[in-house]
């Protein structure tokens, strides 16, 4: 659940099959649910970090990732970036407080989120 005052980001590849249709559907959905949708377009995976930074800068509280083989084949990279930004927003103390697993796995997630050390 995302608070009503928070925008939801939608990550799309503009050249993907059906992209125009999906963008129109997202625009209709935003009107229906009364939410701002932040459309972020990427055409190359090297644009992912900047796209996520834009979403954070615009205070997006949710993320919809376009469908299709382009994003599916990059799902691990997208999941890692999403996890990194969510964990950075929450902070290491919050992560440690709510971590359900063993300390070794917490260390691994902390390295992933904070680049080797707590920042």
Protein backbone atom coordinates (compact mmCIF):
# COMPACT_ATOMS: atom_id res chain seq x y z
CA UNK A 1 0.00 0.00 0.00
CA UNK A 2 1.23 3.45 -0.95
CA UNK A 3 -0.10 6.60 0.75
CA UNK A 4 -2.44 8.57 -1.53
CA UNK A 5 -0.19 11.64 -1.53
CA UNK A 6 2.77 9.69 -2.93
CA UNK A 7 3.50 9.30 -6.63
CA UNK A 8 3.96 5.89 -8.17
CA UNK A 9 6.79 5.48 -10.66
CA UNK A 10 6.33 3.49 -13.85
CA UNK A 11 9.48 2.27 -15.59
CA UNK A 12 9.08 1.64 -19.32
CA UNK A 13 11.18 0.89 -22.38
CA UNK A 14 9.58 3.16 -25.00
CA UNK A 15 10.56 0.91 -27.91
CA UNK A 16 9.17 -2.30 -26.40
CA UNK A 17 6.24 -3.93 -28.18
CA UNK A 18 3.00 -2.50 -26.83
CA UNK A 19 4.73 0.29 -24.89
CA UNK A 20 2.35 2.98 -26.17
CA UNK A 21 -0.66 0.90 -25.14
CA UNK A 22 0.78 0.26 -21.68
CA UNK A 23 1.63 3.94 -21.19
CA UNK A 24 -1.96 4.88 -22.10
CA UNK A 25 -3.32 2.29 -19.67
CA UNK A 26 -1.09 3.57 -16.87
CA UNK A 27 -2.28 7.14 -17.56
CA UNK A 28 -5.92 5.98 -17.38
CA UNK A 29 -5.22 4.07 -14.17
CA UNK A 30 -3.63 7.12 -12.57
CA UNK A 31 -6.80 9.11 -13.22
CA UNK A 32 -8.97 6.30 -11.93
CA UNK A 33 -7.09 5.92 -8.66
CA UNK A 34 -6.34 9.61 -8.27
CA UNK A 35 -2.58 9.17 -8.09
CA UNK A 36 0.27 10.91 -9.83
CA UNK A 37 2.24 8.53 -12.01
CA UNK A 38 5.85 9.36 -12.72
CA UNK A 39 6.71 7.87 -16.11
CA UNK A 40 10.39 7.00 -16.39
CA UNK A 41 11.68 5.72 -19.72
CA UNK A 42 14.88 3.77 -20.27
CA UNK A 43 16.28 2.44 -23.52
CA UNK A 44 19.47 0.94 -22.14
CA UNK A 45 20.30 -0.81 -18.87
CA UNK A 46 23.06 1.75 -18.26
CA UNK A 47 20.21 4.22 -17.66
CA UNK A 48 18.79 2.19 -14.74
CA UNK A 49 20.76 3.91 -11.94
CA UNK A 50 19.77 7.38 -13.19
CA UNK A 51 16.16 6.23 -13.55
CA UNK A 52 16.08 5.01 -9.94
CA UNK A 53 17.74 8.23 -8.78
CA UNK A 54 15.01 10.21 -10.56
CA UNK A 55 12.32 8.14 -8.86
CA UNK A 56 13.88 8.80 -5.45
CA UNK A 57 14.35 12.50 -6.19
CA UNK A 58 10.67 12.73 -7.17
CA UNK A 59 9.68 10.85 -3.96
CA UNK A 60 8.02 7.94 -5.72
CA UNK A 61 6.53 5.62 -3.14
CA UNK A 62 5.84 2.70 -5.44
CA UNK A 63 7.17 1.20 -8.63
CA UNK A 64 5.57 -0.46 -11.64
CA UNK A 65 8.01 -2.04 -14.08
CA UNK A 66 6.93 -2.58 -17.67
CA UNK A 67 6.45 -6.10 -18.87
CA UNK A 68 8.19 -7.94 -21.64
CA UNK A 69 11.48 -9.64 -22.33
CA UNK A 70 13.60 -6.50 -21.94
CA UNK A 71 12.82 -6.04 -18.25
CA UNK A 72 12.37 -9.74 -17.57
CA UNK A 73 15.90 -10.48 -18.72
CA UNK A 74 17.19 -7.74 -16.40
CA UNK A 75 15.03 -8.57 -13.40
CA UNK A 76 17.96 -9.31 -11.06
CA UNK A 77 19.60 -5.98 -11.81
CA UNK A 78 16.28 -4.16 -11.32
CA UNK A 79 15.55 -6.01 -8.09
CA UNK A 80 19.02 -5.19 -6.75
CA UNK A 81 18.59 -1.49 -7.57
CA UNK A 82 15.13 -1.37 -6.03
CA UNK A 83 16.38 -3.12 -2.90
CA UNK A 84 19.35 -0.78 -2.67
CA UNK A 85 17.20 2.36 -2.83
CA UNK A 86 14.58 1.03 -0.41
CA UNK A 87 17.21 0.00 2.12
CA UNK A 88 19.10 3.27 1.81
CA UNK A 89 15.88 5.17 2.46
CA UNK A 90 15.13 3.09 5.55
CA UNK A 91 18.66 3.12 6.91
CA UNK A 92 20.88 0.39 8.32
CA UNK A 93 19.45 0.55 11.84
CA UNK A 94 15.91 -0.05 10.59
CA UNK A 95 17.15 -2.91 8.42
CA UNK A 96 18.99 -4.56 11.33
CA UNK A 97 16.01 -4.09 13.65
CA UNK A 98 13.60 -5.90 11.31
CA UNK A 99 15.91 -8.43 9.66
CA UNK A 100 14.36 -11.89 10.11
CA UNK A 101 17.33 -13.99 9.06
CA UNK A 102 20.79 -14.87 10.30
CA UNK A 103 23.54 -12.28 10.77
CA UNK A 104 25.52 -13.54 7.74
CA UNK A 105 22.62 -12.85 5.39
CA UNK A 106 22.12 -9.41 6.98
CA UNK A 107 25.78 -8.67 6.26
CA UNK A 108 25.33 -9.67 2.61
CA UNK A 109 22.25 -7.48 2.19
CA UNK A 110 24.00 -4.60 3.93
CA UNK A 111 26.92 -4.89 1.49
CA UNK A 112 24.49 -4.92 -1.43
CA UNK A 113 22.55 -1.92 -0.14
CA UNK A 114 25.36 0.23 1.13
CA UNK A 115 28.24 -0.79 -1.12
CA UNK A 116 30.40 -2.65 1.38
CA UNK A 117 30.04 -0.37 4.36
CA UNK A 118 27.30 1.46 6.14
CA UNK A 119 26.88 4.98 4.80
